[in-house]
């Protein structure tokens, strides 16, 4: 029997996205966000929900572009830091010793040291309540060659992403391979 625990923001997995933006003066900024995911196949889109109070929210509203850098487990400390401090007062990338790279496709920076990057332009904005959801059309995905698999696509085991657990406020690595999607269920 299941027990009700009430309406809560719990879903698994919850991604760890590092959102990159520029402010009006061209200063690079990053913030960590967990409320997001792929939301459309054609055009390829990703959604991320941010509070209006964040510096990143204002940057996205102004420039209509953002990146999502996916950190590997080696950068869990830096990714957590990006969610603790406001870019209004602090140059977070410099403080963390990481490198902003100007996207050549969208008006936003990404984190050079993180293995996977989505470059996005804002397609839709939806006011939900405390958060505003930004739907970004994915203009390009960039991956370090070291994390590419046999078919030239990103390999999750080589990327080593991690996820956020909302109920415990903890970070967890990706588990073991369980089976091939759109195939393993055919035996039923």
N, C-alpha and C. Protein backbone atom coordinates (compact mmCIF):
# COMPACT_ATOMS: atom_id res chain seq x y z
N UNK A 1 0.84 -1.19 0.00
CA UNK A 1 0.00 0.00 0.00
C UNK A 1 0.89 1.25 0.00
N UNK A 2 0.51 2.21 -0.80
CA UNK A 2 1.25 3.45 -0.87
C UNK A 2 0.72 4.44 0.16
N UNK A 3 1.62 5.26 0.69
CA UNK A 3 1.27 6.28 1.67
C UNK A 3 1.38 7.65 1.02
N UNK A 4 0.38 8.48 1.21
CA UNK A 4 0.41 9.85 0.68
C UNK A 4 1.45 10.66 1.45
N UNK A 5 2.28 11.39 0.70
CA UNK A 5 3.24 12.29 1.34
C UNK A 5 2.96 13.75 0.93
N UNK A 6 1.86 13.96 0.24
CA UNK A 6 1.44 15.30 -0.13
C UNK A 6 2.04 15.77 -1.45
N UNK A 7 1.58 16.93 -1.89
CA UNK A 7 2.06 17.53 -3.14
C UNK A 7 3.46 18.09 -2.89
N UNK A 8 4.44 17.51 -3.55
CA UNK A 8 5.84 17.92 -3.35
C UNK A 8 6.57 17.94 -4.68
N UNK A 9 7.70 18.60 -4.72
CA UNK A 9 8.53 18.66 -5.92
C UNK A 9 9.53 17.51 -5.89
N UNK A 10 9.02 16.31 -6.09
CA UNK A 10 9.87 15.12 -6.09
C UNK A 10 9.63 14.35 -7.38
N UNK A 11 10.70 14.13 -8.13
CA UNK A 11 10.68 13.29 -9.31
C UNK A 11 12.10 12.77 -9.50
N UNK A 12 12.22 11.58 -10.07
CA UNK A 12 13.56 11.00 -10.28
C UNK A 12 13.73 10.56 -11.71
N UNK A 13 14.86 10.76 -12.32
CA UNK A 13 15.96 11.56 -11.79
C UNK A 13 15.67 13.05 -11.96
N UNK A 14 16.28 13.85 -11.11
CA UNK A 14 16.21 15.30 -11.23
C UNK A 14 17.58 15.76 -11.71
N UNK A 15 17.66 16.42 -12.86
CA UNK A 15 18.97 16.75 -13.42
C UNK A 15 19.70 17.85 -12.66
N UNK A 16 20.99 17.92 -12.87
CA UNK A 16 21.78 19.05 -12.41
C UNK A 16 22.23 19.77 -13.68
N UNK A 17 21.59 20.91 -13.94
CA UNK A 17 21.90 21.74 -15.09
C UNK A 17 22.65 22.98 -14.61
N UNK A 18 23.69 23.38 -15.32
CA UNK A 18 24.35 24.64 -15.05
C UNK A 18 24.00 25.57 -16.21
N UNK A 19 23.18 26.56 -15.90
CA UNK A 19 22.64 27.48 -16.90
C UNK A 19 23.61 28.64 -17.09
N UNK A 20 24.02 28.86 -18.33
CA UNK A 20 24.95 29.95 -18.64
C UNK A 20 24.24 31.09 -19.36
N UNK A 21 24.51 32.32 -18.91
CA UNK A 21 23.94 33.51 -19.53
C UNK A 21 24.95 34.65 -19.48
N UNK A 22 24.68 35.68 -20.25
CA UNK A 22 25.39 36.96 -20.14
C UNK A 22 24.41 37.98 -19.57
N UNK A 23 24.94 38.95 -18.84
CA UNK A 23 24.10 40.06 -18.44
C UNK A 23 24.18 41.16 -19.51
N UNK A 24 23.52 42.28 -19.30
CA UNK A 24 23.49 43.37 -20.28
C UNK A 24 24.89 43.88 -20.64
N UNK A 25 25.80 43.83 -19.68
CA UNK A 25 27.17 44.32 -19.89
C UNK A 25 28.08 43.26 -20.51
N UNK A 26 27.55 42.06 -20.74
CA UNK A 26 28.35 41.00 -21.34
C UNK A 26 29.14 40.16 -20.34
N UNK A 27 28.84 40.31 -19.05
CA UNK A 27 29.51 39.52 -18.02
C UNK A 27 28.91 38.10 -17.99
N UNK A 28 29.76 37.06 -18.09
CA UNK A 28 29.25 35.70 -18.03
C UNK A 28 28.77 35.33 -16.63
N UNK A 29 27.71 34.56 -16.58
CA UNK A 29 27.14 34.10 -15.32
C UNK A 29 26.65 32.66 -15.49
N UNK A 30 26.71 31.91 -14.40
CA UNK A 30 26.16 30.55 -14.38
C UNK A 30 25.35 30.36 -13.10
N UNK A 31 24.37 29.50 -13.17
CA UNK A 31 23.63 29.09 -11.97
C UNK A 31 23.22 27.64 -12.13
N UNK A 32 23.10 26.94 -11.03
CA UNK A 32 22.66 25.56 -11.06
C UNK A 32 21.15 25.52 -10.91
N UNK A 33 20.52 24.71 -11.74
CA UNK A 33 19.07 24.54 -11.70
C UNK A 33 18.74 23.06 -11.84
N UNK A 34 17.71 22.63 -11.13
CA UNK A 34 17.32 21.23 -11.18
C UNK A 34 15.92 21.04 -11.79
N UNK A 35 15.16 22.10 -11.91
CA UNK A 35 13.81 21.96 -12.44
C UNK A 35 13.88 22.08 -13.96
N UNK A 36 14.09 20.94 -14.64
CA UNK A 36 14.17 20.99 -16.09
C UNK A 36 14.29 19.63 -16.73
N UNK A 37 14.25 19.64 -18.06
CA UNK A 37 14.40 18.42 -18.83
C UNK A 37 14.02 18.63 -20.28
N UNK A 38 14.26 17.61 -21.09
CA UNK A 38 13.87 17.64 -22.50
C UNK A 38 12.35 17.74 -22.56
N UNK A 39 11.84 18.59 -23.46
CA UNK A 39 10.38 18.76 -23.52
C UNK A 39 9.80 18.62 -24.93
N UNK A 40 10.64 18.50 -25.96
CA UNK A 40 10.14 18.33 -27.32
C UNK A 40 11.22 17.70 -28.19
N UNK A 41 10.79 16.86 -29.13
CA UNK A 41 11.73 16.22 -30.06
C UNK A 41 11.95 17.05 -31.32
N UNK A 42 10.84 17.61 -31.88
CA UNK A 42 10.94 18.43 -33.09
C UNK A 42 10.13 19.70 -32.91
N UNK A 43 10.73 20.84 -32.80
CA UNK A 43 12.17 21.04 -32.77
C UNK A 43 12.74 20.53 -31.45
N UNK A 44 14.02 20.19 -31.43
CA UNK A 44 14.60 19.71 -30.18
C UNK A 44 14.60 20.84 -29.15
N UNK A 45 13.97 20.58 -27.98
CA UNK A 45 13.82 21.62 -26.97
C UNK A 45 14.08 21.07 -25.58
N UNK A 46 14.51 21.96 -24.72
CA UNK A 46 14.71 21.66 -23.31
C UNK A 46 14.01 22.76 -22.52
N UNK A 47 13.47 22.40 -21.36
CA UNK A 47 12.80 23.38 -20.51
C UNK A 47 13.56 23.48 -19.19
N UNK A 48 13.62 24.69 -18.68
CA UNK A 48 14.20 24.93 -17.36
C UNK A 48 13.34 25.97 -16.67
N UNK A 49 13.04 25.74 -15.39
CA UNK A 49 12.20 26.67 -14.64
C UNK A 49 13.04 27.39 -13.59
N UNK A 50 12.92 28.72 -13.59
CA UNK A 50 13.71 29.57 -12.70
C UNK A 50 12.81 30.53 -11.95
N UNK A 51 13.23 30.93 -10.77
CA UNK A 51 12.52 31.96 -10.02
C UNK A 51 12.88 33.33 -10.59
N UNK A 52 11.93 34.24 -10.56
CA UNK A 52 12.16 35.60 -11.07
C UNK A 52 13.26 36.32 -10.30
N UNK A 53 13.47 35.93 -9.06
CA UNK A 53 14.46 36.60 -8.21
C UNK A 53 15.90 36.32 -8.64
N UNK A 54 16.11 35.35 -9.51
CA UNK A 54 17.49 35.01 -9.88
C UNK A 54 18.04 35.97 -10.92
N UNK A 55 19.33 36.14 -10.85
CA UNK A 55 20.07 36.96 -11.82
C UNK A 55 19.92 36.35 -13.22
N UNK A 56 19.97 35.04 -13.29
CA UNK A 56 19.87 34.33 -14.56
C UNK A 56 18.53 34.58 -15.23
N UNK A 57 17.45 34.63 -14.45
CA UNK A 57 16.12 34.92 -15.00
C UNK A 57 16.16 36.23 -15.79
N UNK A 58 16.68 37.29 -15.17
CA UNK A 58 16.76 38.59 -15.84
C UNK A 58 17.62 38.54 -17.09
N UNK A 59 18.72 37.81 -17.02
CA UNK A 59 19.60 37.69 -18.19
C UNK A 59 18.91 37.00 -19.35
N UNK A 60 18.19 35.93 -19.06
CA UNK A 60 17.48 35.21 -20.13
C UNK A 60 16.37 36.08 -20.71
N UNK A 61 15.64 36.79 -19.86
CA UNK A 61 14.58 37.66 -20.35
C UNK A 61 15.15 38.74 -21.26
N UNK A 62 16.32 39.23 -20.93
CA UNK A 62 16.96 40.31 -21.71
C UNK A 62 17.51 39.81 -23.04
N UNK A 63 18.25 38.69 -23.02
CA UNK A 63 18.99 38.26 -24.21
C UNK A 63 18.37 37.09 -24.97
N UNK A 64 17.38 36.44 -24.38
CA UNK A 64 16.63 35.36 -25.05
C UNK A 64 17.52 34.18 -25.48
N UNK A 65 18.54 33.90 -24.68
CA UNK A 65 19.45 32.78 -24.97
C UNK A 65 20.04 32.26 -23.67
N UNK A 66 20.39 30.97 -23.67
CA UNK A 66 21.08 30.36 -22.54
C UNK A 66 21.74 29.08 -23.00
N UNK A 67 22.68 28.62 -22.19
CA UNK A 67 23.27 27.30 -22.41
C UNK A 67 23.00 26.45 -21.20
N UNK A 68 23.08 25.15 -21.40
CA UNK A 68 23.04 24.21 -20.29
C UNK A 68 24.30 23.38 -20.38
N UNK A 69 25.15 23.53 -19.36
CA UNK A 69 26.35 22.71 -19.27
C UNK A 69 26.06 21.59 -18.28
N UNK A 70 26.41 20.37 -18.67
CA UNK A 70 26.20 19.21 -17.81
C UNK A 70 27.54 18.87 -17.15
N UNK A 71 27.62 19.06 -15.83
CA UNK A 71 28.88 18.76 -15.15
C UNK A 71 29.05 17.26 -14.91
N UNK A 72 30.30 16.82 -14.88
CA UNK A 72 30.59 15.44 -14.49
C UNK A 72 30.70 15.39 -12.97
N UNK A 73 30.72 14.18 -12.43
CA UNK A 73 30.82 14.00 -10.98
C UNK A 73 32.05 14.71 -10.39
N UNK A 74 33.09 14.88 -11.19
CA UNK A 74 34.30 15.56 -10.72
C UNK A 74 34.04 17.01 -10.34
N UNK A 75 32.92 17.57 -10.80
CA UNK A 75 32.63 18.98 -10.57
C UNK A 75 31.39 19.20 -9.70
N UNK A 76 31.06 18.25 -8.85
CA UNK A 76 29.88 18.39 -8.01
C UNK A 76 30.02 19.58 -7.06
N UNK A 77 31.20 19.81 -6.54
CA UNK A 77 31.44 20.92 -5.61
C UNK A 77 31.19 22.26 -6.30
N UNK A 78 31.72 22.41 -7.52
CA UNK A 78 31.55 23.66 -8.26
C UNK A 78 30.09 23.88 -8.66
N UNK A 79 29.43 22.82 -9.10
CA UNK A 79 28.03 22.94 -9.49
C UNK A 79 27.18 23.35 -8.29
N UNK A 80 27.45 22.80 -7.13
CA UNK A 80 26.72 23.18 -5.93
C UNK A 80 26.96 24.66 -5.60
N UNK A 81 28.21 25.08 -5.69
CA UNK A 81 28.57 26.48 -5.43
C UNK A 81 27.78 27.43 -6.35
N UNK A 82 27.62 27.05 -7.62
CA UNK A 82 26.91 27.90 -8.58
C UNK A 82 25.46 28.14 -8.18
N UNK A 83 24.91 27.25 -7.35
CA UNK A 83 23.54 27.43 -6.87
C UNK A 83 23.45 28.14 -5.53
N UNK A 84 24.59 28.39 -4.91
CA UNK A 84 24.61 29.02 -3.58
C UNK A 84 24.80 30.53 -3.60
N UNK A 85 25.44 31.04 -4.65
CA UNK A 85 25.88 32.43 -4.70
C UNK A 85 25.24 33.12 -5.90
N UNK A 86 24.91 34.39 -5.75
CA UNK A 86 24.34 35.16 -6.87
C UNK A 86 25.44 35.76 -7.73
N UNK A 87 25.23 35.68 -9.03
CA UNK A 87 26.16 36.28 -9.98
C UNK A 87 26.14 37.80 -9.96
N UNK A 88 25.16 38.40 -9.29
CA UNK A 88 25.12 39.86 -9.17
C UNK A 88 26.32 40.35 -8.36
N UNK A 89 26.66 39.60 -7.33
CA UNK A 89 27.73 40.02 -6.42
C UNK A 89 29.06 39.33 -6.69
N UNK A 90 29.05 38.20 -7.34
CA UNK A 90 30.25 37.37 -7.43
C UNK A 90 30.47 36.87 -8.85
N UNK A 91 31.73 36.82 -9.27
CA UNK A 91 32.09 36.16 -10.53
C UNK A 91 32.30 34.69 -10.19
N UNK A 92 31.23 33.92 -10.30
CA UNK A 92 31.24 32.52 -9.85
C UNK A 92 32.22 31.66 -10.62
N UNK A 93 32.32 31.85 -11.91
CA UNK A 93 33.24 31.03 -12.72
C UNK A 93 34.68 31.25 -12.29
N UNK A 94 35.06 32.50 -12.10
CA UNK A 94 36.41 32.82 -11.68
C UNK A 94 36.68 32.25 -10.29
N UNK A 95 35.74 32.42 -9.37
CA UNK A 95 35.91 31.91 -8.00
C UNK A 95 36.08 30.39 -7.99
N UNK A 96 35.40 29.70 -8.91
CA UNK A 96 35.47 28.23 -8.98
C UNK A 96 36.66 27.75 -9.81
N UNK A 97 37.35 28.67 -10.45
CA UNK A 97 38.50 28.30 -11.28
C UNK A 97 38.11 27.64 -12.59
N UNK A 98 36.90 27.98 -13.09
CA UNK A 98 36.42 27.40 -14.34
C UNK A 98 36.37 28.46 -15.43
N UNK A 99 36.28 28.00 -16.69
CA UNK A 99 36.44 28.86 -17.84
C UNK A 99 35.14 29.07 -18.61
N UNK A 100 34.68 30.33 -18.74
CA UNK A 100 33.53 30.59 -19.60
C UNK A 100 33.96 30.62 -21.06
N UNK A 101 33.15 30.01 -21.93
CA UNK A 101 33.42 30.02 -23.36
C UNK A 101 32.20 30.64 -24.05
N UNK A 102 32.44 31.63 -24.90
CA UNK A 102 31.35 32.27 -25.64
C UNK A 102 30.87 31.33 -26.72
N UNK A 103 29.59 31.02 -26.69
CA UNK A 103 29.00 30.21 -27.75
C UNK A 103 29.10 30.97 -29.06
N UNK A 104 29.36 30.25 -30.13
CA UNK A 104 29.39 30.90 -31.44
C UNK A 104 28.01 30.86 -32.11
N UNK A 105 27.03 30.26 -31.43
CA UNK A 105 25.69 30.13 -32.02
C UNK A 105 24.60 30.89 -31.28
N UNK A 106 24.75 31.04 -29.96
CA UNK A 106 23.75 31.77 -29.17
C UNK A 106 24.49 32.77 -28.29
N UNK A 107 23.78 33.76 -27.81
CA UNK A 107 24.39 34.82 -27.01
C UNK A 107 24.44 34.42 -25.54
N UNK A 108 25.26 33.39 -25.25
CA UNK A 108 25.41 32.89 -23.89
C UNK A 108 26.72 32.11 -23.78
N UNK A 109 27.28 32.05 -22.58
CA UNK A 109 28.52 31.29 -22.36
C UNK A 109 28.21 29.88 -21.85
N UNK A 110 29.20 29.00 -22.01
CA UNK A 110 29.11 27.69 -21.38
C UNK A 110 30.40 27.42 -20.62
N UNK A 111 30.41 26.33 -19.84
CA UNK A 111 31.57 26.00 -19.01
C UNK A 111 32.47 25.03 -19.77
N UNK A 112 33.67 25.49 -20.09
CA UNK A 112 34.61 24.69 -20.88
C UNK A 112 34.89 23.33 -20.26
N UNK A 113 35.04 23.26 -18.96
CA UNK A 113 35.45 22.03 -18.29
C UNK A 113 34.34 20.98 -18.19
N UNK A 114 33.11 21.35 -18.44
CA UNK A 114 32.00 20.40 -18.35
C UNK A 114 31.85 19.69 -19.70
N UNK A 115 31.63 18.37 -19.70
CA UNK A 115 31.74 17.57 -20.92
C UNK A 115 30.62 17.71 -21.95
N UNK A 116 29.46 18.21 -21.56
CA UNK A 116 28.32 18.27 -22.48
C UNK A 116 27.62 19.61 -22.35
N UNK A 117 27.28 20.22 -23.50
CA UNK A 117 26.68 21.56 -23.52
C UNK A 117 25.53 21.59 -24.52
N UNK A 118 24.42 22.21 -24.11
CA UNK A 118 23.30 22.49 -25.01
C UNK A 118 23.26 24.00 -25.21
N UNK A 119 23.21 24.46 -26.45
CA UNK A 119 23.13 25.88 -26.77
C UNK A 119 21.70 26.17 -27.21
N UNK A 120 21.05 27.11 -26.53
CA UNK A 120 19.61 27.29 -26.72
C UNK A 120 19.21 28.75 -26.94
N UNK A 121 18.17 28.93 -27.74
CA UNK A 121 17.49 30.21 -27.84
C UNK A 121 16.10 30.04 -27.26
N UNK A 122 15.57 31.08 -26.65
CA UNK A 122 14.26 30.98 -25.99
C UNK A 122 13.16 30.91 -27.05
N UNK A 123 12.37 29.86 -26.96
CA UNK A 123 11.25 29.64 -27.87
C UNK A 123 9.93 30.06 -27.22
N UNK A 124 9.79 29.73 -25.92
CA UNK A 124 8.57 30.07 -25.17
C UNK A 124 8.94 30.39 -23.72
N UNK A 125 8.11 31.22 -23.11
CA UNK A 125 8.22 31.53 -21.69
C UNK A 125 6.84 31.34 -21.08
N UNK A 126 6.79 30.61 -19.96
CA UNK A 126 5.51 30.33 -19.31
C UNK A 126 5.60 30.66 -17.83
N UNK A 127 4.76 31.60 -17.40
CA UNK A 127 4.68 31.93 -15.97
C UNK A 127 3.87 30.82 -15.31
N UNK A 128 4.44 30.16 -14.32
CA UNK A 128 3.75 29.04 -13.69
C UNK A 128 3.26 29.40 -12.29
N UNK A 129 4.00 30.13 -11.56
CA UNK A 129 3.73 30.48 -10.16
C UNK A 129 5.00 31.11 -9.65
N UNK A 130 5.64 30.47 -8.70
CA UNK A 130 6.91 30.97 -8.20
C UNK A 130 7.99 30.92 -9.28
N UNK A 131 7.85 29.97 -10.21
CA UNK A 131 8.84 29.80 -11.27
C UNK A 131 8.29 30.20 -12.64
N UNK A 132 9.22 30.56 -13.52
CA UNK A 132 8.93 30.80 -14.93
C UNK A 132 9.65 29.72 -15.70
N UNK A 133 8.94 29.06 -16.58
CA UNK A 133 9.56 28.02 -17.40
C UNK A 133 10.01 28.62 -18.73
N UNK A 134 11.28 28.39 -19.03
CA UNK A 134 11.85 28.80 -20.31
C UNK A 134 12.01 27.56 -21.17
N UNK A 135 11.38 27.57 -22.33
CA UNK A 135 11.58 26.49 -23.29
C UNK A 135 12.62 26.99 -24.29
N UNK A 136 13.72 26.29 -24.32
CA UNK A 136 14.80 26.67 -25.22
C UNK A 136 14.92 25.70 -26.37
N UNK A 137 14.93 26.25 -27.58
CA UNK A 137 15.20 25.39 -28.73
C UNK A 137 16.70 25.10 -28.74
N UNK A 138 17.03 23.83 -28.81
CA UNK A 138 18.43 23.41 -28.81
C UNK A 138 18.99 23.65 -30.21
N UNK A 139 19.89 24.62 -30.31
CA UNK A 139 20.50 24.98 -31.60
C UNK A 139 21.66 24.04 -31.90
N UNK A 140 22.37 23.62 -30.85
CA UNK A 140 23.48 22.67 -31.02
C UNK A 140 23.78 22.01 -29.68
N UNK A 141 24.34 20.82 -29.76
CA UNK A 141 24.88 20.12 -28.60
C UNK A 141 26.36 19.93 -28.87
N UNK A 142 27.17 20.31 -27.89
CA UNK A 142 28.61 20.15 -28.01
C UNK A 142 29.07 19.16 -26.93
N UNK A 143 29.97 18.25 -27.32
CA UNK A 143 30.48 17.26 -26.38
C UNK A 143 31.98 17.14 -26.52
N UNK A 144 32.66 16.99 -25.39
CA UNK A 144 34.09 16.71 -25.44
C UNK A 144 34.28 15.39 -26.18
N UNK A 145 35.27 15.32 -27.03
CA UNK A 145 35.52 14.09 -27.79
C UNK A 145 35.74 12.90 -26.86
N UNK A 146 36.30 13.13 -25.69
CA UNK A 146 36.60 12.06 -24.74
C UNK A 146 35.33 11.37 -24.21
N UNK A 147 34.16 12.01 -24.33
CA UNK A 147 32.93 11.40 -23.81
C UNK A 147 32.05 10.82 -24.91
N UNK A 148 32.55 10.81 -26.13
CA UNK A 148 31.77 10.25 -27.23
C UNK A 148 31.95 8.74 -27.29
N UNK A 149 30.85 8.05 -27.62
CA UNK A 149 30.87 6.60 -27.74
C UNK A 149 31.15 6.16 -29.16
N UNK A 150 30.88 4.88 -29.41
CA UNK A 150 31.18 4.25 -30.69
C UNK A 150 30.49 4.92 -31.88
N UNK A 151 29.29 5.39 -31.69
CA UNK A 151 28.54 6.00 -32.80
C UNK A 151 28.72 7.51 -32.88
N UNK A 152 29.69 8.04 -32.13
CA UNK A 152 29.95 9.48 -32.15
C UNK A 152 28.98 10.29 -31.33
N UNK A 153 28.20 9.63 -30.47
CA UNK A 153 27.25 10.32 -29.60
C UNK A 153 27.72 10.24 -28.15
N UNK A 154 27.24 11.14 -27.30
CA UNK A 154 27.67 11.12 -25.90
C UNK A 154 27.37 9.78 -25.22
N UNK A 155 28.30 9.34 -24.42
CA UNK A 155 28.19 8.09 -23.65
C UNK A 155 28.01 8.48 -22.18
N UNK A 156 26.89 8.11 -21.58
CA UNK A 156 26.57 8.51 -20.22
C UNK A 156 27.63 8.07 -19.22
N UNK A 157 28.22 6.92 -19.43
CA UNK A 157 29.25 6.43 -18.50
C UNK A 157 30.53 7.27 -18.60
N UNK A 158 30.82 7.77 -19.79
CA UNK A 158 32.01 8.61 -19.96
C UNK A 158 31.76 10.03 -19.44
N UNK A 159 30.53 10.51 -19.58
CA UNK A 159 30.18 11.85 -19.09
C UNK A 159 30.22 11.87 -17.56
N UNK A 160 29.65 10.85 -16.94
CA UNK A 160 29.60 10.80 -15.48
C UNK A 160 28.74 11.90 -14.88
N UNK A 161 27.52 12.11 -15.43
CA UNK A 161 26.66 13.16 -14.85
C UNK A 161 26.16 12.71 -13.48
N UNK A 162 25.60 13.64 -12.75
CA UNK A 162 25.00 13.29 -11.47
C UNK A 162 23.64 13.94 -11.37
N UNK A 163 22.86 13.51 -10.40
CA UNK A 163 21.50 14.02 -10.24
C UNK A 163 21.29 14.54 -8.83
N UNK A 164 20.22 15.26 -8.69
CA UNK A 164 19.84 15.88 -7.43
C UNK A 164 18.65 15.13 -6.85
N UNK A 165 18.67 14.89 -5.54
CA UNK A 165 17.53 14.27 -4.86
C UNK A 165 16.85 15.35 -4.02
N UNK A 166 15.70 15.86 -4.47
CA UNK A 166 15.05 16.98 -3.78
C UNK A 166 14.71 16.72 -2.32
N UNK A 167 14.30 15.50 -2.00
CA UNK A 167 13.85 15.23 -0.63
C UNK A 167 14.99 15.25 0.39
N UNK A 168 16.19 14.85 -0.03
CA UNK A 168 17.34 14.83 0.90
C UNK A 168 18.33 15.95 0.62
N UNK A 169 18.11 16.67 -0.49
CA UNK A 169 19.01 17.73 -0.93
C UNK A 169 20.42 17.18 -1.13
N UNK A 170 20.48 15.99 -1.73
CA UNK A 170 21.76 15.35 -1.97
C UNK A 170 22.01 15.13 -3.46
N UNK A 171 23.26 14.85 -3.79
CA UNK A 171 23.65 14.54 -5.16
C UNK A 171 24.02 13.07 -5.25
N UNK A 172 23.66 12.45 -6.39
CA UNK A 172 23.93 11.03 -6.60
C UNK A 172 24.43 10.80 -8.01
N UNK A 173 25.34 9.85 -8.15
CA UNK A 173 25.83 9.48 -9.46
C UNK A 173 24.82 8.60 -10.19
N UNK A 174 25.07 8.38 -11.46
CA UNK A 174 24.20 7.53 -12.27
C UNK A 174 24.52 6.07 -11.96
N UNK A 175 23.49 5.25 -11.87
CA UNK A 175 23.66 3.83 -11.56
C UNK A 175 24.08 2.99 -12.74
N UNK A 176 24.00 1.71 -12.55
CA UNK A 176 24.46 0.75 -13.56
C UNK A 176 23.47 0.62 -14.73
N UNK A 177 23.96 0.13 -15.83
CA UNK A 177 23.16 -0.12 -17.03
C UNK A 177 22.16 -1.24 -16.75
N UNK A 178 20.90 -1.05 -17.12
CA UNK A 178 19.86 -2.04 -16.84
C UNK A 178 19.33 -2.76 -18.08
N UNK A 179 19.42 -2.15 -19.23
CA UNK A 179 18.93 -2.78 -20.45
C UNK A 179 18.67 -1.74 -21.53
N UNK A 180 18.45 -2.23 -22.74
CA UNK A 180 18.25 -1.36 -23.90
C UNK A 180 16.80 -0.88 -23.96
N UNK A 181 16.64 0.45 -24.05
CA UNK A 181 15.30 1.04 -24.15
C UNK A 181 14.64 0.65 -25.47
N UNK A 182 13.34 0.57 -25.46
CA UNK A 182 12.53 0.19 -26.61
C UNK A 182 12.85 -1.23 -27.07
N UNK A 183 13.40 -2.01 -26.18
CA UNK A 183 13.78 -3.38 -26.50
C UNK A 183 13.56 -4.33 -25.32
N UNK A 184 14.02 -3.94 -24.15
CA UNK A 184 13.98 -4.82 -22.98
C UNK A 184 12.54 -5.25 -22.63
N UNK A 185 11.57 -4.41 -22.92
CA UNK A 185 10.18 -4.72 -22.61
C UNK A 185 9.50 -5.64 -23.61
N UNK A 186 10.15 -5.93 -24.71
CA UNK A 186 9.52 -6.76 -25.75
C UNK A 186 9.28 -8.19 -25.30
N UNK A 187 9.95 -8.64 -24.27
CA UNK A 187 9.78 -10.00 -23.79
C UNK A 187 8.52 -10.22 -22.98
N UNK A 188 7.75 -9.17 -22.73
CA UNK A 188 6.53 -9.32 -21.92
C UNK A 188 5.36 -9.75 -22.81
